[in-house]
Amino acid sequence: LIRLGGIDRRGMVNEVTRVISNQLSVDIRGLSFTTKDGIFDGTIKLRVHDRDDVKAIIDKLKEVDDLKEISQIM
């Protein structure tokens, strides 16, 4: 489970899911995003092989503009 937070903008969820599904070929098992006052908070449940996959996903998501917080939740 990965927790995300940042500045909401048009296309943010699309960009996040494209990075995970298309660029990294990882299956998304669940997705939840909420927005309040221009700030979003979300969680993504993924099917990964090991911790190295999670690290690669987090590193790639750090390249997404306006994504300010990324953390793994056990």
N, C-alpha and C. Protein backbone atom coordinates (compact mmCIF):
# COMPACT_ATOMS: atom_id res chain seq x y z
N LEU A 1 0.86 -1.18 0.00
CA LEU A 1 0.00 0.00 0.00
C LEU A 1 0.90 1.23 0.00
N ILE A 2 0.64 2.14 -0.90
CA ILE A 2 1.41 3.38 -1.00
C ILE A 2 0.47 4.55 -0.73
N ARG A 3 0.91 5.47 0.11
CA ARG A 3 0.14 6.68 0.42
C ARG A 3 0.76 7.84 -0.35
N LEU A 4 -0.11 8.65 -0.95
CA LEU A 4 0.33 9.80 -1.74
C LEU A 4 -0.37 11.06 -1.25
N GLY A 5 0.29 12.18 -1.39
CA GLY A 5 -0.33 13.46 -1.08
C GLY A 5 0.34 14.55 -1.90
N GLY A 6 -0.42 15.61 -2.15
CA GLY A 6 0.17 16.70 -2.91
C GLY A 6 -0.86 17.72 -3.36
N ILE A 7 -0.45 18.52 -4.30
CA ILE A 7 -1.30 19.57 -4.85
C ILE A 7 -2.15 18.98 -5.96
N ASP A 8 -3.47 19.13 -5.82
CA ASP A 8 -4.38 18.56 -6.81
C ASP A 8 -4.35 19.40 -8.08
N ARG A 9 -4.40 18.69 -9.18
CA ARG A 9 -4.49 19.36 -10.49
C ARG A 9 -5.13 18.39 -11.47
N ARG A 10 -5.62 18.93 -12.54
CA ARG A 10 -6.27 18.11 -13.57
C ARG A 10 -5.25 17.10 -14.11
N GLY A 11 -5.65 15.83 -14.15
CA GLY A 11 -4.80 14.79 -14.71
C GLY A 11 -3.85 14.12 -13.72
N MET A 12 -3.90 14.52 -12.45
CA MET A 12 -2.97 13.96 -11.47
C MET A 12 -3.16 12.44 -11.32
N VAL A 13 -4.39 12.00 -11.11
CA VAL A 13 -4.64 10.57 -10.92
C VAL A 13 -4.24 9.80 -12.19
N ASN A 14 -4.56 10.35 -13.33
CA ASN A 14 -4.18 9.72 -14.59
C ASN A 14 -2.67 9.56 -14.70
N GLU A 15 -1.93 10.59 -14.35
CA GLU A 15 -0.47 10.53 -14.45
C GLU A 15 0.10 9.49 -13.48
N VAL A 16 -0.42 9.45 -12.27
CA VAL A 16 0.05 8.47 -11.28
C VAL A 16 -0.22 7.05 -11.76
N THR A 17 -1.43 6.80 -12.25
CA THR A 17 -1.76 5.44 -12.69
C THR A 17 -0.98 5.06 -13.95
N ARG A 18 -0.70 6.00 -14.83
CA ARG A 18 0.11 5.70 -16.01
C ARG A 18 1.52 5.29 -15.63
N VAL A 19 2.12 6.01 -14.68
CA VAL A 19 3.47 5.67 -14.22
C VAL A 19 3.49 4.24 -13.70
N ILE A 20 2.51 3.89 -12.87
CA ILE A 20 2.49 2.57 -12.25
C ILE A 20 2.15 1.48 -13.26
N SER A 21 1.08 1.64 -14.01
CA SER A 21 0.61 0.59 -14.91
C SER A 21 1.40 0.49 -16.21
N ASN A 22 1.62 1.61 -16.86
CA ASN A 22 2.26 1.57 -18.18
C ASN A 22 3.77 1.52 -18.11
N GLN A 23 4.37 2.41 -17.34
CA GLN A 23 5.83 2.48 -17.30
C GLN A 23 6.44 1.35 -16.50
N LEU A 24 5.78 0.95 -15.41
CA LEU A 24 6.36 -0.06 -14.52
C LEU A 24 5.68 -1.42 -14.62
N SER A 25 4.60 -1.51 -15.38
CA SER A 25 3.88 -2.78 -15.58
C SER A 25 3.49 -3.47 -14.27
N VAL A 26 2.94 -2.69 -13.35
CA VAL A 26 2.49 -3.21 -12.06
C VAL A 26 0.97 -3.12 -12.02
N ASP A 27 0.32 -4.16 -11.50
CA ASP A 27 -1.14 -4.17 -11.39
C ASP A 27 -1.61 -3.36 -10.19
N ILE A 28 -2.58 -2.50 -10.41
CA ILE A 28 -3.21 -1.73 -9.34
C ILE A 28 -4.40 -2.53 -8.83
N ARG A 29 -4.42 -2.84 -7.54
CA ARG A 29 -5.47 -3.64 -6.93
C ARG A 29 -6.56 -2.79 -6.28
N GLY A 30 -6.22 -1.56 -5.92
CA GLY A 30 -7.18 -0.65 -5.31
C GLY A 30 -6.66 0.77 -5.39
N LEU A 31 -7.58 1.73 -5.44
CA LEU A 31 -7.20 3.13 -5.63
C LEU A 31 -8.21 4.01 -4.92
N SER A 32 -7.73 4.96 -4.12
CA SER A 32 -8.61 5.89 -3.41
C SER A 32 -7.94 7.25 -3.35
N PHE A 33 -8.62 8.27 -3.86
CA PHE A 33 -8.12 9.65 -3.81
C PHE A 33 -9.23 10.56 -3.30
N THR A 34 -8.88 11.47 -2.41
CA THR A 34 -9.81 12.51 -1.98
C THR A 34 -9.11 13.86 -2.11
N THR A 35 -9.91 14.89 -2.32
CA THR A 35 -9.36 16.23 -2.48
C THR A 35 -10.12 17.22 -1.60
N LYS A 36 -9.37 18.11 -0.97
CA LYS A 36 -9.98 19.18 -0.19
C LYS A 36 -9.10 20.42 -0.28
N ASP A 37 -9.71 21.52 -0.67
CA ASP A 37 -9.02 22.81 -0.77
C ASP A 37 -7.75 22.74 -1.61
N GLY A 38 -7.80 21.98 -2.71
CA GLY A 38 -6.68 21.92 -3.64
C GLY A 38 -5.56 20.96 -3.24
N ILE A 39 -5.75 20.23 -2.16
CA ILE A 39 -4.76 19.26 -1.70
C ILE A 39 -5.39 17.87 -1.79
N PHE A 40 -4.65 16.91 -2.33
CA PHE A 40 -5.20 15.56 -2.43
C PHE A 40 -4.45 14.61 -1.51
N ASP A 41 -5.16 13.57 -1.14
CA ASP A 41 -4.60 12.49 -0.33
C ASP A 41 -5.10 11.20 -0.96
N GLY A 42 -4.22 10.23 -1.11
CA GLY A 42 -4.65 8.99 -1.74
C GLY A 42 -3.86 7.79 -1.29
N THR A 43 -4.44 6.63 -1.56
CA THR A 43 -3.75 5.37 -1.32
C THR A 43 -3.90 4.50 -2.56
N ILE A 44 -2.88 3.72 -2.81
CA ILE A 44 -2.89 2.80 -3.94
C ILE A 44 -2.43 1.43 -3.42
N LYS A 45 -3.26 0.45 -3.68
CA LYS A 45 -2.92 -0.93 -3.31
C LYS A 45 -2.40 -1.61 -4.56
N LEU A 46 -1.19 -2.18 -4.47
CA LEU A 46 -0.52 -2.75 -5.63
C LEU A 46 -0.18 -4.22 -5.43
N ARG A 47 -0.05 -4.91 -6.52
CA ARG A 47 0.46 -6.29 -6.49
C ARG A 47 1.90 -6.22 -7.00
N VAL A 48 2.85 -6.45 -6.09
CA VAL A 48 4.27 -6.40 -6.43
C VAL A 48 4.94 -7.71 -6.06
N HIS A 49 6.14 -7.91 -6.61
CA HIS A 49 6.88 -9.14 -6.34
C HIS A 49 7.67 -9.04 -5.03
N ASP A 50 8.28 -7.87 -4.79
CA ASP A 50 9.12 -7.73 -3.59
C ASP A 50 9.30 -6.25 -3.26
N ARG A 51 10.08 -6.00 -2.22
CA ARG A 51 10.32 -4.62 -1.77
C ARG A 51 11.06 -3.78 -2.81
N ASP A 52 11.87 -4.43 -3.63
CA ASP A 52 12.57 -3.68 -4.68
C ASP A 52 11.58 -3.06 -5.66
N ASP A 53 10.49 -3.76 -5.94
CA ASP A 53 9.45 -3.20 -6.81
C ASP A 53 8.84 -1.95 -6.19
N VAL A 54 8.57 -2.01 -4.89
CA VAL A 54 7.98 -0.87 -4.19
C VAL A 54 8.93 0.32 -4.24
N LYS A 55 10.21 0.09 -4.01
CA LYS A 55 11.20 1.17 -4.07
C LYS A 55 11.24 1.78 -5.47
N ALA A 56 11.21 0.94 -6.50
CA ALA A 56 11.23 1.45 -7.88
C ALA A 56 10.00 2.30 -8.17
N ILE A 57 8.84 1.87 -7.68
CA ILE A 57 7.60 2.62 -7.87
C ILE A 57 7.69 3.98 -7.18
N ILE A 58 8.12 3.97 -5.94
CA ILE A 58 8.23 5.23 -5.18
C ILE A 58 9.22 6.17 -5.86
N ASP A 59 10.37 5.65 -6.29
CA ASP A 59 11.37 6.48 -6.97
C ASP A 59 10.80 7.10 -8.25
N LYS A 60 10.03 6.32 -9.01
CA LYS A 60 9.45 6.83 -10.26
C LYS A 60 8.35 7.86 -9.98
N LEU A 61 7.55 7.62 -8.92
CA LEU A 61 6.49 8.57 -8.58
C LEU A 61 7.05 9.91 -8.11
N LYS A 62 8.26 9.91 -7.57
CA LYS A 62 8.89 11.16 -7.13
C LYS A 62 9.11 12.13 -8.29
N GLU A 63 9.07 11.62 -9.52
CA GLU A 63 9.25 12.46 -10.70
C GLU A 63 7.97 13.17 -11.12
N VAL A 64 6.83 12.79 -10.54
CA VAL A 64 5.54 13.39 -10.91
C VAL A 64 5.42 14.78 -10.26
N ASP A 65 5.17 15.80 -11.09
CA ASP A 65 5.01 17.16 -10.58
C ASP A 65 3.84 17.24 -9.61
N ASP A 66 3.99 18.04 -8.57
CA ASP A 66 2.97 18.34 -7.57
C ASP A 66 2.69 17.17 -6.61
N LEU A 67 3.40 16.08 -6.75
CA LEU A 67 3.28 14.96 -5.80
C LEU A 67 4.31 15.23 -4.70
N LYS A 68 3.83 15.55 -3.50
CA LYS A 68 4.72 16.02 -2.44
C LYS A 68 5.06 14.97 -1.39
N GLU A 69 4.14 14.01 -1.16
CA GLU A 69 4.37 13.00 -0.15
C GLU A 69 4.14 11.62 -0.75
N ILE A 70 5.10 10.73 -0.56
CA ILE A 70 4.97 9.35 -1.02
C ILE A 70 5.54 8.47 0.08
N SER A 71 4.76 7.52 0.56
CA SER A 71 5.26 6.63 1.59
C SER A 71 4.62 5.26 1.47
N GLN A 72 5.35 4.26 1.91
CA GLN A 72 4.82 2.89 1.92
C GLN A 72 4.15 2.65 3.26
N ILE A 73 2.96 2.06 3.20
CA ILE A 73 2.22 1.69 4.40
C ILE A 73 2.22 0.17 4.45
N MET A 74 2.61 -0.36 5.58
CA MET A 74 2.66 -1.83 5.69
C MET A 74 1.30 -2.42 5.88
